[in-house]
Amino acid sequence: MPMQTRLNKSCADCGAFALKHLECILLGLDLSLVEDGIMPGCRQKIAYDIWEAAHDPILIQLMQQHIPSILRVLLFMTLKKTDYVCLF
């Protein structure tokens, strides 16, 4: 089935549409599955997934250990040539 030509009629679901399109592409699903009628449920599911991830102990630990890119650069600039640190 071809993808609809006029999606996001509410003009408020562009983020949800983008995420659902990416999901379809990554899972090899037909893009025609993404339509305006399912967006309220998609928004709720996305919100729940974010909430669930925010309470996942493994993800919390990984985020606590994350070093933003600019800090990696600054740290690298302060290292001596003899210091060997895995920054990435």
N, C-alpha and C. Protein backbone atom coordinates (compact mmCIF):
# COMPACT_ATOMS: atom_id res chain seq x y z
N MET A 1 0.85 -1.18 0.00
CA MET A 1 0.00 0.00 0.00
C MET A 1 0.89 1.24 0.00
N PRO A 2 0.63 2.22 -0.86
CA PRO A 2 1.47 3.42 -0.90
C PRO A 2 1.24 4.30 0.33
N MET A 3 2.28 5.03 0.67
CA MET A 3 2.21 5.94 1.80
C MET A 3 1.29 7.11 1.45
N GLN A 4 0.54 7.58 2.44
CA GLN A 4 -0.35 8.72 2.22
C GLN A 4 0.48 9.95 1.86
N THR A 5 -0.12 10.84 1.08
CA THR A 5 0.61 12.03 0.67
C THR A 5 0.46 13.17 1.67
N ARG A 6 -0.61 13.21 2.41
CA ARG A 6 -0.83 14.31 3.36
C ARG A 6 -0.92 13.74 4.77
N LEU A 7 0.22 13.69 5.45
CA LEU A 7 0.26 13.20 6.82
C LEU A 7 0.40 14.38 7.77
N ASN A 8 0.24 14.10 9.04
CA ASN A 8 0.39 15.10 10.10
C ASN A 8 -0.59 16.25 9.90
N LYS A 9 -1.84 15.91 9.76
CA LYS A 9 -2.87 16.92 9.53
C LYS A 9 -3.04 17.84 10.73
N SER A 10 -2.66 17.37 11.91
CA SER A 10 -2.79 18.22 13.09
C SER A 10 -1.63 19.21 13.19
N CYS A 11 -0.58 18.99 12.43
CA CYS A 11 0.63 19.83 12.45
C CYS A 11 1.30 19.85 13.82
N ALA A 12 0.99 18.88 14.66
CA ALA A 12 1.57 18.85 16.00
C ALA A 12 2.28 17.54 16.29
N ASP A 13 2.29 16.66 15.33
CA ASP A 13 2.84 15.32 15.57
C ASP A 13 4.10 15.04 14.77
N CYS A 14 4.83 16.08 14.35
CA CYS A 14 5.97 15.83 13.47
C CYS A 14 7.03 14.96 14.15
N GLY A 15 7.26 15.15 15.45
CA GLY A 15 8.23 14.32 16.16
C GLY A 15 7.80 12.87 16.21
N ALA A 16 6.52 12.66 16.51
CA ALA A 16 6.00 11.29 16.56
C ALA A 16 6.04 10.64 15.18
N PHE A 17 5.69 11.41 14.15
CA PHE A 17 5.77 10.87 12.78
C PHE A 17 7.21 10.49 12.43
N ALA A 18 8.15 11.35 12.78
CA ALA A 18 9.55 11.07 12.47
C ALA A 18 10.01 9.79 13.17
N LEU A 19 9.68 9.66 14.45
CA LEU A 19 10.08 8.47 15.19
C LEU A 19 9.42 7.21 14.64
N LYS A 20 8.15 7.29 14.30
CA LYS A 20 7.45 6.11 13.77
C LYS A 20 7.97 5.74 12.38
N HIS A 21 8.31 6.73 11.56
CA HIS A 21 8.90 6.42 10.26
C HIS A 21 10.25 5.73 10.44
N LEU A 22 11.06 6.25 11.35
CA LEU A 22 12.35 5.60 11.62
C LEU A 22 12.15 4.18 12.11
N GLU A 23 11.19 4.00 12.99
CA GLU A 23 10.90 2.66 13.51
C GLU A 23 10.52 1.71 12.38
N CYS A 24 9.67 2.17 11.48
CA CYS A 24 9.26 1.33 10.34
C CYS A 24 10.46 0.98 9.46
N ILE A 25 11.29 1.96 9.20
CA ILE A 25 12.46 1.72 8.35
C ILE A 25 13.40 0.72 9.02
N LEU A 26 13.67 0.92 10.31
CA LEU A 26 14.59 0.02 11.02
C LEU A 26 14.05 -1.40 11.14
N LEU A 27 12.74 -1.52 11.28
CA LEU A 27 12.14 -2.85 11.44
C LEU A 27 11.70 -3.46 10.11
N GLY A 28 11.89 -2.72 9.02
CA GLY A 28 11.50 -3.23 7.71
C GLY A 28 10.00 -3.29 7.50
N LEU A 29 9.27 -2.41 8.18
CA LEU A 29 7.82 -2.38 8.05
C LEU A 29 7.40 -1.40 6.97
N ASP A 30 6.19 -1.56 6.49
CA ASP A 30 5.65 -0.69 5.45
C ASP A 30 5.34 0.69 6.05
N LEU A 31 5.81 1.74 5.39
CA LEU A 31 5.59 3.09 5.88
C LEU A 31 4.11 3.49 5.86
N SER A 32 3.31 2.77 5.12
CA SER A 32 1.88 3.10 5.07
C SER A 32 1.20 2.81 6.41
N LEU A 33 1.89 2.12 7.30
CA LEU A 33 1.33 1.86 8.63
C LEU A 33 1.24 3.13 9.47
N VAL A 34 2.03 4.12 9.12
CA VAL A 34 2.05 5.37 9.87
C VAL A 34 1.00 6.31 9.29
N GLU A 35 0.02 6.64 10.10
CA GLU A 35 -1.05 7.52 9.65
C GLU A 35 -1.54 8.36 10.82
N ASP A 36 -2.31 9.38 10.51
CA ASP A 36 -2.78 10.31 11.54
C ASP A 36 -3.59 9.64 12.64
N GLY A 37 -4.37 8.65 12.28
CA GLY A 37 -5.27 8.02 13.24
C GLY A 37 -4.58 7.32 14.41
N ILE A 38 -3.34 6.92 14.21
CA ILE A 38 -2.65 6.20 15.29
C ILE A 38 -1.76 7.11 16.14
N MET A 39 -1.65 8.37 15.77
CA MET A 39 -0.70 9.26 16.45
C MET A 39 -1.00 9.49 17.93
N PRO A 40 -2.25 9.62 18.36
CA PRO A 40 -2.46 9.79 19.80
C PRO A 40 -1.88 8.62 20.61
N GLY A 41 -2.09 7.41 20.14
CA GLY A 41 -1.52 6.25 20.81
C GLY A 41 -0.01 6.22 20.72
N CYS A 42 0.52 6.65 19.58
CA CYS A 42 1.98 6.69 19.40
C CYS A 42 2.61 7.68 20.37
N ARG A 43 1.99 8.85 20.51
CA ARG A 43 2.53 9.84 21.46
C ARG A 43 2.54 9.29 22.88
N GLN A 44 1.47 8.60 23.26
CA GLN A 44 1.42 8.01 24.60
C GLN A 44 2.50 6.94 24.76
N LYS A 45 2.69 6.12 23.75
CA LYS A 45 3.70 5.06 23.81
C LYS A 45 5.10 5.65 23.89
N ILE A 46 5.36 6.68 23.12
CA ILE A 46 6.67 7.33 23.16
C ILE A 46 6.92 7.93 24.55
N ALA A 47 5.90 8.59 25.10
CA ALA A 47 6.04 9.17 26.44
C ALA A 47 6.31 8.08 27.48
N TYR A 48 5.59 6.98 27.37
CA TYR A 48 5.80 5.88 28.32
C TYR A 48 7.21 5.29 28.16
N ASP A 49 7.66 5.12 26.93
CA ASP A 49 9.00 4.57 26.69
C ASP A 49 10.08 5.47 27.29
N ILE A 50 9.90 6.79 27.15
CA ILE A 50 10.86 7.73 27.74
C ILE A 50 10.82 7.64 29.26
N TRP A 51 9.62 7.59 29.82
CA TRP A 51 9.48 7.48 31.28
C TRP A 51 10.13 6.19 31.77
N GLU A 52 9.87 5.10 31.07
CA GLU A 52 10.43 3.81 31.46
C GLU A 52 11.97 3.84 31.38
N ALA A 53 12.50 4.44 30.33
CA ALA A 53 13.96 4.52 30.19
C ALA A 53 14.57 5.38 31.29
N ALA A 54 13.85 6.42 31.70
CA ALA A 54 14.36 7.30 32.75
C ALA A 54 14.45 6.60 34.10
N HIS A 55 13.76 5.49 34.24
CA HIS A 55 13.78 4.74 35.50
C HIS A 55 14.53 3.42 35.39
N ASP A 56 15.19 3.20 34.28
CA ASP A 56 15.96 1.97 34.07
C ASP A 56 17.33 2.14 34.71
N PRO A 57 17.67 1.30 35.70
CA PRO A 57 18.94 1.48 36.41
C PRO A 57 20.17 1.37 35.51
N ILE A 58 20.12 0.54 34.50
CA ILE A 58 21.27 0.40 33.60
C ILE A 58 21.45 1.67 32.78
N LEU A 59 20.35 2.19 32.23
CA LEU A 59 20.45 3.43 31.45
C LEU A 59 20.86 4.61 32.33
N ILE A 60 20.37 4.64 33.55
CA ILE A 60 20.76 5.71 34.47
C ILE A 60 22.26 5.67 34.71
N GLN A 61 22.79 4.48 34.94
CA GLN A 61 24.23 4.34 35.16
C GLN A 61 25.03 4.76 33.93
N LEU A 62 24.58 4.35 32.75
CA LEU A 62 25.28 4.74 31.53
C LEU A 62 25.26 6.25 31.32
N MET A 63 24.12 6.88 31.62
CA MET A 63 24.04 8.33 31.45
C MET A 63 24.91 9.06 32.47
N GLN A 64 25.06 8.50 33.66
CA GLN A 64 25.93 9.12 34.66
C GLN A 64 27.39 9.05 34.23
N GLN A 65 27.74 8.05 33.45
CA GLN A 65 29.12 7.87 33.00
C GLN A 65 29.40 8.59 31.68
N HIS A 66 28.36 9.11 31.05
CA HIS A 66 28.50 9.75 29.74
C HIS A 66 29.32 11.03 29.85
N ILE A 67 30.24 11.19 28.91
CA ILE A 67 31.02 12.42 28.82
C ILE A 67 30.61 13.11 27.52
N PRO A 68 30.01 14.29 27.60
CA PRO A 68 29.62 15.00 26.37
C PRO A 68 30.83 15.26 25.48
N SER A 69 30.59 15.36 24.20
CA SER A 69 31.67 15.50 23.21
C SER A 69 32.60 16.67 23.50
N ILE A 70 32.07 17.81 23.86
CA ILE A 70 32.93 18.98 24.09
C ILE A 70 33.86 18.73 25.27
N LEU A 71 33.38 18.02 26.28
CA LEU A 71 34.25 17.70 27.41
C LEU A 71 35.35 16.73 27.00
N ARG A 72 35.04 15.83 26.08
CA ARG A 72 36.08 14.92 25.57
C ARG A 72 37.19 15.71 24.90
N VAL A 73 36.80 16.69 24.12
CA VAL A 73 37.79 17.51 23.41
C VAL A 73 38.64 18.29 24.41
N LEU A 74 37.99 18.91 25.39
CA LEU A 74 38.73 19.67 26.39
C LEU A 74 39.66 18.76 27.20
N LEU A 75 39.18 17.59 27.55
CA LEU A 75 40.00 16.64 28.29
C LEU A 75 41.19 16.20 27.44
N PHE A 76 40.94 15.93 26.18
CA PHE A 76 42.01 15.51 25.27
C PHE A 76 43.07 16.60 25.15
N MET A 77 42.62 17.85 25.11
CA MET A 77 43.56 18.96 24.96
C MET A 77 44.44 19.12 26.20
N THR A 78 43.97 18.67 27.36
CA THR A 78 44.74 18.83 28.59
C THR A 78 45.67 17.65 28.85
N LEU A 79 45.53 16.57 28.10
CA LEU A 79 46.36 15.40 28.33
C LEU A 79 47.77 15.60 27.79
N LYS A 80 48.71 14.98 28.46
CA LYS A 80 50.08 14.96 27.95
C LYS A 80 50.15 13.89 26.86
N LYS A 81 51.13 13.97 26.03
CA LYS A 81 51.26 12.99 24.96
C LYS A 81 51.52 11.59 25.51
N THR A 82 51.97 11.49 26.74
CA THR A 82 52.26 10.18 27.31
C THR A 82 51.03 9.57 27.99
N ASP A 83 49.99 10.36 28.16
CA ASP A 83 48.76 9.85 28.78
C ASP A 83 47.93 9.12 27.74
N TYR A 84 47.48 7.94 28.09
CA TYR A 84 46.64 7.17 27.18
C TYR A 84 45.30 6.93 27.86
N VAL A 85 44.29 7.52 27.30
CA VAL A 85 42.95 7.40 27.86
C VAL A 85 41.98 7.11 26.73
N CYS A 86 41.09 6.18 26.96
CA CYS A 86 40.04 5.90 25.98
C CYS A 86 38.94 6.93 26.17
N LEU A 87 38.79 7.81 25.21
CA LEU A 87 37.80 8.88 25.34
C LEU A 87 36.49 8.55 24.65
N PHE A 88 36.47 7.55 23.81
CA PHE A 88 35.25 7.29 23.04
C PHE A 88 34.72 5.91 23.28
